Amino acid sequence: MSYLTAAVVLIGLLCVFNLLLTFGLIRRLKQLGGAGAGHAGPPIALRPGSPVGEFAAVTLDGEPVSHDTVEGLVGFFSAGCEPCHKLIPGFAAQARVLRRENVLAVVAGEDAEAVEALSPVARVVVEDFEGPVAGAFQNTWTPALYLLGSDHRVVAAGGRMEDLPLASTA
């Protein structure tokens, strides 16, 4: 009978030890991920300082755009994306400030509403989700925003207008 008691006590101690390790692991994961827990944002591949890859595309107006002709604000939007549609008015307001030639909007899928809202203020490219512009930016998420310098390198990136160092449009 004493062997049975010892075995139960040993299993109980192992369970308590396992529980303590689990709590410690959870606490450590919260510490590592806690900084951006309120807004994790999109998984942006190109970070500040990264060069944009080579690409060639044509806007809805028939204007060719490429790695060499894109500078300023670049936004990626997709059809059926509610956060994209909420971002478009702020993006359009900033585009008016920067002027159309300094703004590129990439719309994935068929989204007439987004195209209509963006076309007056930005050069608009409509492409598949894995199109050449998205590939050059290594972009897999929408909405995604990039601010490019004259050297075609990323100055800032994020999923909200507040993530970019732009002058306020208000």
N, C-alpha and C. Protein backbone atom coordinates (compact mmCIF):
# COMPACT_ATOMS: atom_id res chain seq x y z
N MET A 1 0.81 -1.19 0.00
CA MET A 1 0.00 0.00 0.00
C MET A 1 0.86 1.27 0.00
N SER A 2 2.03 1.24 0.62
CA SER A 2 2.88 2.42 0.67
C SER A 2 3.43 2.78 -0.71
N TYR A 3 3.62 1.75 -1.58
CA TYR A 3 4.07 2.04 -2.95
C TYR A 3 3.00 2.81 -3.71
N LEU A 4 1.77 2.45 -3.49
CA LEU A 4 0.65 3.13 -4.15
C LEU A 4 0.56 4.59 -3.69
N THR A 5 0.73 4.81 -2.41
CA THR A 5 0.71 6.17 -1.86
C THR A 5 1.87 6.99 -2.43
N ALA A 6 3.04 6.41 -2.50
CA ALA A 6 4.22 7.10 -3.04
C ALA A 6 4.01 7.45 -4.51
N ALA A 7 3.41 6.53 -5.26
CA ALA A 7 3.17 6.78 -6.68
C ALA A 7 2.17 7.92 -6.88
N VAL A 8 1.11 7.97 -6.08
CA VAL A 8 0.11 9.04 -6.17
C VAL A 8 0.75 10.38 -5.81
N VAL A 9 1.56 10.41 -4.78
CA VAL A 9 2.24 11.65 -4.37
C VAL A 9 3.20 12.11 -5.46
N LEU A 10 3.95 11.17 -6.04
CA LEU A 10 4.89 11.52 -7.09
C LEU A 10 4.16 12.07 -8.32
N ILE A 11 3.08 11.46 -8.74
CA ILE A 11 2.29 11.95 -9.87
C ILE A 11 1.71 13.32 -9.55
N GLY A 12 1.25 13.52 -8.34
CA GLY A 12 0.73 14.83 -7.93
C GLY A 12 1.79 15.90 -8.01
N LEU A 13 3.01 15.60 -7.54
CA LEU A 13 4.11 16.57 -7.61
C LEU A 13 4.49 16.89 -9.06
N LEU A 14 4.50 15.86 -9.91
CA LEU A 14 4.79 16.10 -11.32
C LEU A 14 3.73 16.98 -11.97
N CYS A 15 2.47 16.79 -11.61
CA CYS A 15 1.39 17.63 -12.15
C CYS A 15 1.55 19.08 -11.71
N VAL A 16 1.90 19.31 -10.46
CA VAL A 16 2.11 20.66 -9.95
C VAL A 16 3.30 21.30 -10.65
N PHE A 17 4.38 20.55 -10.84
CA PHE A 17 5.56 21.07 -11.54
C PHE A 17 5.20 21.44 -12.98
N ASN A 18 4.45 20.57 -13.66
CA ASN A 18 4.00 20.84 -15.03
C ASN A 18 3.14 22.10 -15.08
N LEU A 19 2.26 22.28 -14.12
CA LEU A 19 1.41 23.46 -14.07
C LEU A 19 2.23 24.73 -13.88
N LEU A 20 3.25 24.68 -13.02
CA LEU A 20 4.13 25.84 -12.81
C LEU A 20 4.90 26.18 -14.09
N LEU A 21 5.39 25.17 -14.78
CA LEU A 21 6.09 25.42 -16.04
C LEU A 21 5.16 26.04 -17.08
N THR A 22 3.93 25.57 -17.14
CA THR A 22 2.95 26.12 -18.08
C THR A 22 2.66 27.58 -17.79
N PHE A 23 2.45 27.91 -16.52
CA PHE A 23 2.21 29.31 -16.15
C PHE A 23 3.42 30.18 -16.47
N GLY A 24 4.61 29.67 -16.23
CA GLY A 24 5.83 30.41 -16.55
C GLY A 24 5.95 30.67 -18.04
N LEU A 25 5.62 29.67 -18.85
CA LEU A 25 5.67 29.82 -20.29
C LEU A 25 4.64 30.85 -20.78
N ILE A 26 3.45 30.80 -20.24
CA ILE A 26 2.41 31.76 -20.62
C ILE A 26 2.85 33.18 -20.25
N ARG A 27 3.42 33.34 -19.08
CA ARG A 27 3.89 34.67 -18.64
C ARG A 27 4.99 35.18 -19.57
N ARG A 28 5.91 34.30 -19.96
CA ARG A 28 7.00 34.70 -20.85
C ARG A 28 6.47 35.08 -22.24
N LEU A 29 5.52 34.33 -22.76
CA LEU A 29 4.93 34.65 -24.06
C LEU A 29 4.21 35.99 -24.03
N LYS A 30 3.55 36.29 -22.93
CA LYS A 30 2.88 37.59 -22.80
C LYS A 30 3.90 38.72 -22.79
N GLN A 31 5.04 38.51 -22.12
CA GLN A 31 6.09 39.52 -22.08
C GLN A 31 6.67 39.77 -23.46
N LEU A 32 6.89 38.72 -24.23
CA LEU A 32 7.47 38.86 -25.56
C LEU A 32 6.51 39.49 -26.54
N GLY A 33 5.24 39.18 -26.45
CA GLY A 33 4.27 39.69 -27.40
C GLY A 33 3.46 40.85 -26.88
N GLY A 34 3.70 41.30 -25.70
CA GLY A 34 2.88 42.32 -25.07
C GLY A 34 3.03 43.70 -25.65
N ALA A 35 4.15 44.01 -26.28
CA ALA A 35 4.38 45.37 -26.76
C ALA A 35 3.38 45.79 -27.82
N GLY A 36 2.99 44.90 -28.72
CA GLY A 36 2.08 45.26 -29.78
C GLY A 36 0.74 44.56 -29.66
N ALA A 37 0.37 44.15 -28.47
CA ALA A 37 -0.84 43.36 -28.31
C ALA A 37 -2.10 44.14 -28.67
N GLY A 38 -2.11 45.47 -28.49
CA GLY A 38 -3.29 46.26 -28.81
C GLY A 38 -3.55 46.32 -30.30
N HIS A 39 -2.50 46.47 -31.09
CA HIS A 39 -2.62 46.50 -32.54
C HIS A 39 -1.38 45.85 -33.11
N ALA A 40 -1.49 44.59 -33.42
CA ALA A 40 -0.35 43.86 -33.96
C ALA A 40 -0.01 44.35 -35.36
N GLY A 41 -1.02 44.77 -36.11
CA GLY A 41 -0.78 45.26 -37.45
C GLY A 41 -0.55 44.13 -38.44
N PRO A 42 -0.44 44.49 -39.69
CA PRO A 42 -0.25 43.47 -40.70
C PRO A 42 1.16 42.93 -40.69
N PRO A 43 1.34 41.73 -41.21
CA PRO A 43 2.70 41.21 -41.33
C PRO A 43 3.42 41.88 -42.49
N ILE A 44 4.14 42.92 -42.20
CA ILE A 44 4.84 43.70 -43.21
C ILE A 44 6.22 43.09 -43.44
N ALA A 45 6.51 42.67 -44.67
CA ALA A 45 7.79 42.04 -44.97
C ALA A 45 8.89 43.08 -45.17
N LEU A 46 8.58 44.16 -45.89
CA LEU A 46 9.59 45.19 -46.14
C LEU A 46 9.57 46.20 -45.00
N ARG A 47 10.61 46.24 -44.27
CA ARG A 47 10.77 47.16 -43.13
C ARG A 47 11.50 48.43 -43.59
N PRO A 48 11.50 49.47 -42.78
CA PRO A 48 12.24 50.68 -43.14
C PRO A 48 13.69 50.37 -43.52
N GLY A 49 14.09 50.95 -44.63
CA GLY A 49 15.43 50.73 -45.16
C GLY A 49 15.48 49.66 -46.24
N SER A 50 14.44 48.85 -46.35
CA SER A 50 14.41 47.78 -47.36
C SER A 50 14.15 48.36 -48.75
N PRO A 51 14.85 47.84 -49.75
CA PRO A 51 14.54 48.27 -51.12
C PRO A 51 13.32 47.55 -51.66
N VAL A 52 12.57 48.22 -52.50
CA VAL A 52 11.43 47.60 -53.17
C VAL A 52 11.98 46.80 -54.35
N GLY A 53 11.42 45.63 -54.58
CA GLY A 53 11.86 44.79 -55.69
C GLY A 53 11.46 45.38 -57.03
N GLU A 54 12.03 44.82 -58.09
CA GLU A 54 11.71 45.26 -59.45
C GLU A 54 10.30 44.81 -59.82
N PHE A 55 9.57 45.66 -60.52
CA PHE A 55 8.25 45.31 -61.02
C PHE A 55 7.87 46.25 -62.16
N ALA A 56 6.90 45.82 -62.93
CA ALA A 56 6.33 46.66 -63.98
C ALA A 56 4.83 46.37 -64.02
N ALA A 57 4.04 47.43 -64.06
CA ALA A 57 2.59 47.30 -64.11
C ALA A 57 2.03 48.50 -64.88
N VAL A 58 0.74 48.44 -65.13
CA VAL A 58 0.07 49.53 -65.84
C VAL A 58 -1.13 49.96 -65.01
N THR A 59 -1.29 51.27 -64.83
CA THR A 59 -2.42 51.79 -64.07
C THR A 59 -3.69 51.69 -64.90
N LEU A 60 -4.82 51.94 -64.27
CA LEU A 60 -6.09 51.94 -64.98
C LEU A 60 -6.15 53.00 -66.06
N ASP A 61 -5.34 54.05 -65.92
CA ASP A 61 -5.27 55.12 -66.92
C ASP A 61 -4.29 54.79 -68.05
N GLY A 62 -3.69 53.59 -68.01
CA GLY A 62 -2.74 53.20 -69.05
C GLY A 62 -1.33 53.67 -68.81
N GLU A 63 -1.06 54.24 -67.65
CA GLU A 63 0.28 54.75 -67.33
C GLU A 63 1.16 53.62 -66.81
N PRO A 64 2.33 53.42 -67.39
CA PRO A 64 3.22 52.39 -66.85
C PRO A 64 3.83 52.85 -65.52
N VAL A 65 3.89 51.94 -64.58
CA VAL A 65 4.57 52.20 -63.30
C VAL A 65 5.56 51.07 -63.07
N SER A 66 6.65 51.42 -62.42
CA SER A 66 7.68 50.43 -62.15
C SER A 66 8.43 50.83 -60.88
N HIS A 67 9.36 50.00 -60.52
CA HIS A 67 10.23 50.27 -59.38
C HIS A 67 10.84 51.66 -59.48
N ASP A 68 11.21 52.07 -60.69
CA ASP A 68 11.88 53.35 -60.89
C ASP A 68 10.96 54.56 -60.86
N THR A 69 9.65 54.34 -60.99
CA THR A 69 8.72 55.48 -61.07
C THR A 69 7.85 55.64 -59.83
N VAL A 70 8.03 54.77 -58.84
CA VAL A 70 7.19 54.85 -57.65
C VAL A 70 7.97 55.48 -56.50
N GLU A 71 7.35 56.50 -55.93
CA GLU A 71 7.92 57.23 -54.80
C GLU A 71 6.75 57.82 -54.03
N GLY A 72 6.87 57.90 -52.73
CA GLY A 72 5.79 58.48 -51.93
C GLY A 72 4.96 57.41 -51.25
N LEU A 73 3.65 57.58 -51.30
CA LEU A 73 2.72 56.72 -50.58
C LEU A 73 2.22 55.58 -51.47
N VAL A 74 2.30 54.35 -50.95
CA VAL A 74 1.80 53.17 -51.65
C VAL A 74 0.86 52.44 -50.71
N GLY A 75 -0.34 52.13 -51.21
CA GLY A 75 -1.31 51.42 -50.39
C GLY A 75 -1.82 50.18 -51.10
N PHE A 76 -1.99 49.10 -50.34
CA PHE A 76 -2.54 47.86 -50.86
C PHE A 76 -3.91 47.63 -50.24
N PHE A 77 -4.90 47.40 -51.10
CA PHE A 77 -6.27 47.19 -50.68
C PHE A 77 -6.80 45.96 -51.39
N SER A 78 -7.84 45.34 -50.83
CA SER A 78 -8.42 44.18 -51.52
C SER A 78 -9.94 44.20 -51.41
N ALA A 79 -10.54 43.55 -52.39
CA ALA A 79 -11.99 43.46 -52.45
C ALA A 79 -12.50 42.69 -51.24
N GLY A 80 -13.60 43.15 -50.69
CA GLY A 80 -14.21 42.47 -49.55
C GLY A 80 -13.50 42.67 -48.23
N CYS A 81 -12.56 43.58 -48.18
CA CYS A 81 -11.77 43.84 -46.96
C CYS A 81 -12.36 45.05 -46.25
N GLU A 82 -13.06 44.81 -45.16
CA GLU A 82 -13.70 45.91 -44.42
C GLU A 82 -12.67 46.92 -43.87
N PRO A 83 -11.54 46.48 -43.28
CA PRO A 83 -10.54 47.46 -42.84
C PRO A 83 -10.00 48.30 -44.00
N CYS A 84 -9.91 47.71 -45.19
CA CYS A 84 -9.46 48.47 -46.36
C CYS A 84 -10.42 49.60 -46.66
N HIS A 85 -11.71 49.29 -46.66
CA HIS A 85 -12.72 50.30 -46.98
C HIS A 85 -12.75 51.41 -45.93
N LYS A 86 -12.47 51.07 -44.69
CA LYS A 86 -12.42 52.10 -43.64
C LYS A 86 -11.18 52.98 -43.79
N LEU A 87 -10.11 52.44 -44.34
CA LEU A 87 -8.86 53.18 -44.51
C LEU A 87 -8.88 54.11 -45.72
N ILE A 88 -9.67 53.78 -46.72
CA ILE A 88 -9.64 54.52 -47.99
C ILE A 88 -9.88 56.03 -47.82
N PRO A 89 -10.85 56.50 -47.02
CA PRO A 89 -11.02 57.96 -46.91
C PRO A 89 -9.77 58.68 -46.37
N GLY A 90 -9.12 58.14 -45.37
CA GLY A 90 -7.89 58.75 -44.85
C GLY A 90 -6.75 58.68 -45.85
N PHE A 91 -6.66 57.56 -46.56
CA PHE A 91 -5.65 57.41 -47.61
C PHE A 91 -5.88 58.44 -48.71
N ALA A 92 -7.13 58.59 -49.13
CA ALA A 92 -7.47 59.55 -50.19
C ALA A 92 -7.17 60.98 -49.75
N ALA A 93 -7.46 61.30 -48.50
CA ALA A 93 -7.18 62.65 -48.00
C ALA A 93 -5.68 62.93 -48.03
N GLN A 94 -4.88 61.95 -47.62
CA GLN A 94 -3.42 62.13 -47.65
C GLN A 94 -2.92 62.19 -49.09
N ALA A 95 -3.54 61.41 -49.97
CA ALA A 95 -3.15 61.41 -51.38
C ALA A 95 -3.37 62.79 -52.00
N ARG A 96 -4.44 63.47 -51.61
CA ARG A 96 -4.69 64.82 -52.13
C ARG A 96 -3.57 65.77 -51.73
N VAL A 97 -3.06 65.59 -50.53
CA VAL A 97 -1.97 66.45 -50.04
C VAL A 97 -0.67 66.15 -50.80
N LEU A 98 -0.39 64.88 -51.02
CA LEU A 98 0.87 64.47 -51.66
C LEU A 98 0.85 64.64 -53.18
N ARG A 99 -0.31 64.75 -53.76
CA ARG A 99 -0.54 64.83 -55.20
C ARG A 99 -0.48 63.44 -55.83
N ARG A 100 -1.29 63.27 -56.82
CA ARG A 100 -1.55 61.99 -57.46
C ARG A 100 -0.28 61.28 -57.93
N GLU A 101 0.69 62.00 -58.49
CA GLU A 101 1.90 61.37 -59.03
C GLU A 101 2.78 60.75 -57.94
N ASN A 102 2.53 61.08 -56.69
CA ASN A 102 3.30 60.54 -55.57
C ASN A 102 2.55 59.48 -54.78
N VAL A 103 1.46 58.98 -55.36
CA VAL A 103 0.63 58.01 -54.65
C VAL A 103 0.27 56.86 -55.59
N LEU A 104 0.47 55.64 -55.11
CA LEU A 104 0.08 54.45 -55.86
C LEU A 104 -0.84 53.61 -54.99
N ALA A 105 -1.99 53.25 -55.53
CA ALA A 105 -2.93 52.38 -54.83
C ALA A 105 -3.03 51.08 -55.62
N VAL A 106 -2.84 49.96 -54.93
CA VAL A 106 -2.90 48.65 -55.56
C VAL A 106 -4.13 47.95 -55.00
N VAL A 107 -5.06 47.61 -55.90
CA VAL A 107 -6.30 46.97 -55.49
C VAL A 107 -6.28 45.53 -56.00
N ALA A 108 -6.40 44.59 -55.07
CA ALA A 108 -6.43 43.18 -55.44
C ALA A 108 -7.88 42.73 -55.56
N GLY A 109 -8.20 42.12 -56.68
CA GLY A 109 -9.57 41.67 -56.91
C GLY A 109 -10.41 42.76 -57.52
N GLU A 110 -11.67 42.45 -57.73
CA GLU A 110 -12.60 43.40 -58.34
C GLU A 110 -13.33 44.16 -57.25
N ASP A 111 -13.01 45.44 -57.14
CA ASP A 111 -13.63 46.29 -56.13
C ASP A 111 -13.89 47.66 -56.74
N ALA A 112 -15.01 47.78 -57.42
CA ALA A 112 -15.35 49.03 -58.12
C ALA A 112 -15.43 50.22 -57.17
N GLU A 113 -15.94 49.98 -55.97
CA GLU A 113 -16.08 51.07 -54.99
C GLU A 113 -14.71 51.64 -54.60
N ALA A 114 -13.74 50.77 -54.33
CA ALA A 114 -12.40 51.23 -53.97
C ALA A 114 -11.74 51.95 -55.14
N VAL A 115 -11.86 51.37 -56.32
CA VAL A 115 -11.26 51.99 -57.51
C VAL A 115 -11.86 53.37 -57.75
N GLU A 116 -13.17 53.49 -57.61
CA GLU A 116 -13.84 54.78 -57.81
C GLU A 116 -13.36 55.83 -56.80
N ALA A 117 -13.17 55.41 -55.57
CA ALA A 117 -12.73 56.35 -54.53
C ALA A 117 -11.26 56.74 -54.68
N LEU A 118 -10.44 55.83 -55.19
CA LEU A 118 -9.00 56.07 -55.26
C LEU A 118 -8.54 56.71 -56.57
N SER A 119 -9.20 56.43 -57.66
CA SER A 119 -8.75 56.90 -58.98
C SER A 119 -8.56 58.41 -59.09
N PRO A 120 -9.41 59.24 -58.50
CA PRO A 120 -9.19 60.68 -58.65
C PRO A 120 -7.93 61.20 -57.94
N VAL A 121 -7.44 60.47 -56.94
CA VAL A 121 -6.34 61.00 -56.12
C VAL A 121 -5.07 60.18 -56.20
N ALA A 122 -5.11 59.00 -56.84
CA ALA A 122 -3.95 58.12 -56.87
C ALA A 122 -3.85 57.40 -58.21
N ARG A 123 -2.65 57.01 -58.56
CA ARG A 123 -2.49 56.10 -59.68
C ARG A 123 -2.93 54.73 -59.16
N VAL A 124 -3.82 54.07 -59.86
CA VAL A 124 -4.41 52.82 -59.38
C VAL A 124 -4.02 51.65 -60.29
N VAL A 125 -3.51 50.61 -59.67
CA VAL A 125 -3.21 49.36 -60.35
C VAL A 125 -4.14 48.31 -59.78
N VAL A 126 -4.83 47.58 -60.64
CA VAL A 126 -5.66 46.46 -60.22
C VAL A 126 -4.94 45.20 -60.66
N GLU A 127 -4.69 44.31 -59.70
CA GLU A 127 -3.98 43.07 -60.00
C GLU A 127 -4.49 41.94 -59.11
N ASP A 128 -4.05 40.74 -59.41
CA ASP A 128 -4.37 39.59 -58.57
C ASP A 128 -3.69 39.75 -57.22
N PHE A 129 -4.07 38.92 -56.27
CA PHE A 129 -3.48 38.99 -54.94
C PHE A 129 -1.98 38.73 -54.95
N GLU A 130 -1.49 38.02 -55.95
CA GLU A 130 -0.07 37.74 -56.05
C GLU A 130 0.52 38.41 -57.30
N GLY A 131 0.07 39.62 -57.58
CA GLY A 131 0.52 40.34 -58.77
C GLY A 131 1.94 40.86 -58.64
N PRO A 132 2.44 41.50 -59.69
CA PRO A 132 3.83 41.95 -59.70
C PRO A 132 4.15 43.03 -58.67
N VAL A 133 3.22 43.94 -58.42
CA VAL A 133 3.50 45.00 -57.44
C VAL A 133 3.53 44.39 -56.03
N ALA A 134 2.54 43.57 -55.72
CA ALA A 134 2.52 42.91 -54.41
C ALA A 134 3.77 42.06 -54.23
N GLY A 135 4.21 41.40 -55.29
CA GLY A 135 5.43 40.59 -55.21
C GLY A 135 6.66 41.43 -54.92
N ALA A 136 6.76 42.59 -55.58
CA ALA A 136 7.91 43.46 -55.37
C ALA A 136 7.98 43.99 -53.94
N PHE A 137 6.80 44.18 -53.33
CA PHE A 137 6.73 44.65 -51.95
C PHE A 137 6.68 43.48 -50.94
N GLN A 138 6.67 42.26 -51.46
CA GLN A 138 6.53 41.06 -50.63
C GLN A 138 5.28 41.19 -49.75
N ASN A 139 4.25 41.79 -50.31
CA ASN A 139 3.04 42.09 -49.55
C ASN A 139 2.04 40.95 -49.63
N THR A 140 1.59 40.49 -48.46
CA THR A 140 0.62 39.39 -48.39
C THR A 140 -0.60 39.77 -47.56
N TRP A 141 -0.74 41.03 -47.22
CA TRP A 141 -1.78 41.46 -46.28
C TRP A 141 -2.39 42.76 -46.75
N THR A 142 -3.69 42.91 -46.51
CA THR A 142 -4.33 44.20 -46.78
C THR A 142 -5.18 44.59 -45.59
N PRO A 143 -5.29 45.85 -45.28
CA PRO A 143 -4.57 46.94 -45.92
C PRO A 143 -3.11 46.98 -45.46
N ALA A 144 -2.28 47.44 -46.34
CA ALA A 144 -0.86 47.64 -46.02
C ALA A 144 -0.43 48.94 -46.67
N LEU A 145 0.34 49.71 -45.94
CA LEU A 145 0.79 51.03 -46.41
C LEU A 145 2.31 51.11 -46.35
N TYR A 146 2.87 51.77 -47.35
CA TYR A 146 4.32 51.98 -47.39
C TYR A 146 4.59 53.42 -47.77
N LEU A 147 5.59 53.99 -47.17
CA LEU A 147 6.07 55.31 -47.54
C LEU A 147 7.46 55.09 -48.12
N LEU A 148 7.65 55.50 -49.38
CA LEU A 148 8.92 55.29 -50.07
C LEU A 148 9.66 56.59 -50.24
N GLY A 149 10.96 56.51 -50.10
CA GLY A 149 11.81 57.66 -50.36
C GLY A 149 12.19 57.73 -51.82
N SER A 150 12.93 58.76 -52.21
CA SER A 150 13.34 58.94 -53.60
C SER A 150 14.32 57.86 -54.04
N ASP A 151 14.92 57.14 -53.09
CA ASP A 151 15.84 56.05 -53.42
C ASP A 151 15.12 54.71 -53.57
N HIS A 152 13.77 54.74 -53.57
CA HIS A 152 12.93 53.55 -53.73
C HIS A 152 13.10 52.56 -52.59
N ARG A 153 13.43 53.08 -51.43
CA ARG A 153 13.52 52.27 -50.21
C ARG A 153 12.36 52.64 -49.29
N VAL A 154 11.97 51.69 -48.47
CA VAL A 154 10.86 51.91 -47.55
C VAL A 154 11.33 52.84 -46.42
N VAL A 155 10.59 53.92 -46.23
CA VAL A 155 10.83 54.85 -45.13
C VAL A 155 10.03 54.41 -43.91
N ALA A 156 8.79 53.98 -44.15
CA ALA A 156 7.91 53.51 -43.07
C ALA A 156 6.87 52.57 -43.67
N ALA A 157 6.33 51.70 -42.81
CA ALA A 157 5.31 50.76 -43.26
C ALA A 157 4.35 50.48 -42.12
N GLY A 158 3.12 50.11 -42.46
CA GLY A 158 2.14 49.79 -41.43
C GLY A 158 0.79 49.49 -42.04
N GLY A 159 -0.17 49.33 -41.16
CA GLY A 159 -1.52 49.01 -41.60
C GLY A 159 -2.51 50.14 -41.38
N ARG A 160 -2.04 51.26 -40.82
CA ARG A 160 -2.90 52.42 -40.56
C ARG A 160 -2.16 53.68 -40.98
N MET A 161 -2.90 54.71 -41.28
CA MET A 161 -2.26 55.97 -41.66
C MET A 161 -1.38 56.50 -40.53
N GLU A 162 -1.79 56.22 -39.29
CA GLU A 162 -1.02 56.69 -38.13
C GLU A 162 0.35 56.04 -38.03
N ASP A 163 0.55 54.92 -38.74
CA ASP A 163 1.84 54.23 -38.71
C ASP A 163 2.89 54.93 -39.56
N LEU A 164 2.46 55.85 -40.42
CA LEU A 164 3.40 56.53 -41.31
C LEU A 164 3.66 57.96 -40.86
N PRO A 165 4.88 58.44 -40.99
CA PRO A 165 5.21 59.81 -40.58
C PRO A 165 4.78 60.82 -41.63
N LEU A 166 3.48 61.05 -41.71
CA LEU A 166 2.92 61.98 -42.68
C LEU A 166 2.32 63.18 -41.98
N ALA A 167 2.27 64.30 -42.67
CA ALA A 167 1.63 65.49 -42.10
C ALA A 167 0.14 65.20 -41.94
N SER A 168 -0.44 65.71 -40.90
CA SER A 168 -1.87 65.53 -40.66
C SER A 168 -2.68 66.22 -41.72
N THR A 169 -3.77 65.55 -42.14
CA THR A 169 -4.63 66.13 -43.17
C THR A 169 -5.85 66.81 -42.55
N ALA A 170 -5.93 66.80 -41.24
CA ALA A 170 -7.09 67.39 -40.57
C ALA A 170 -6.92 68.87 -40.38
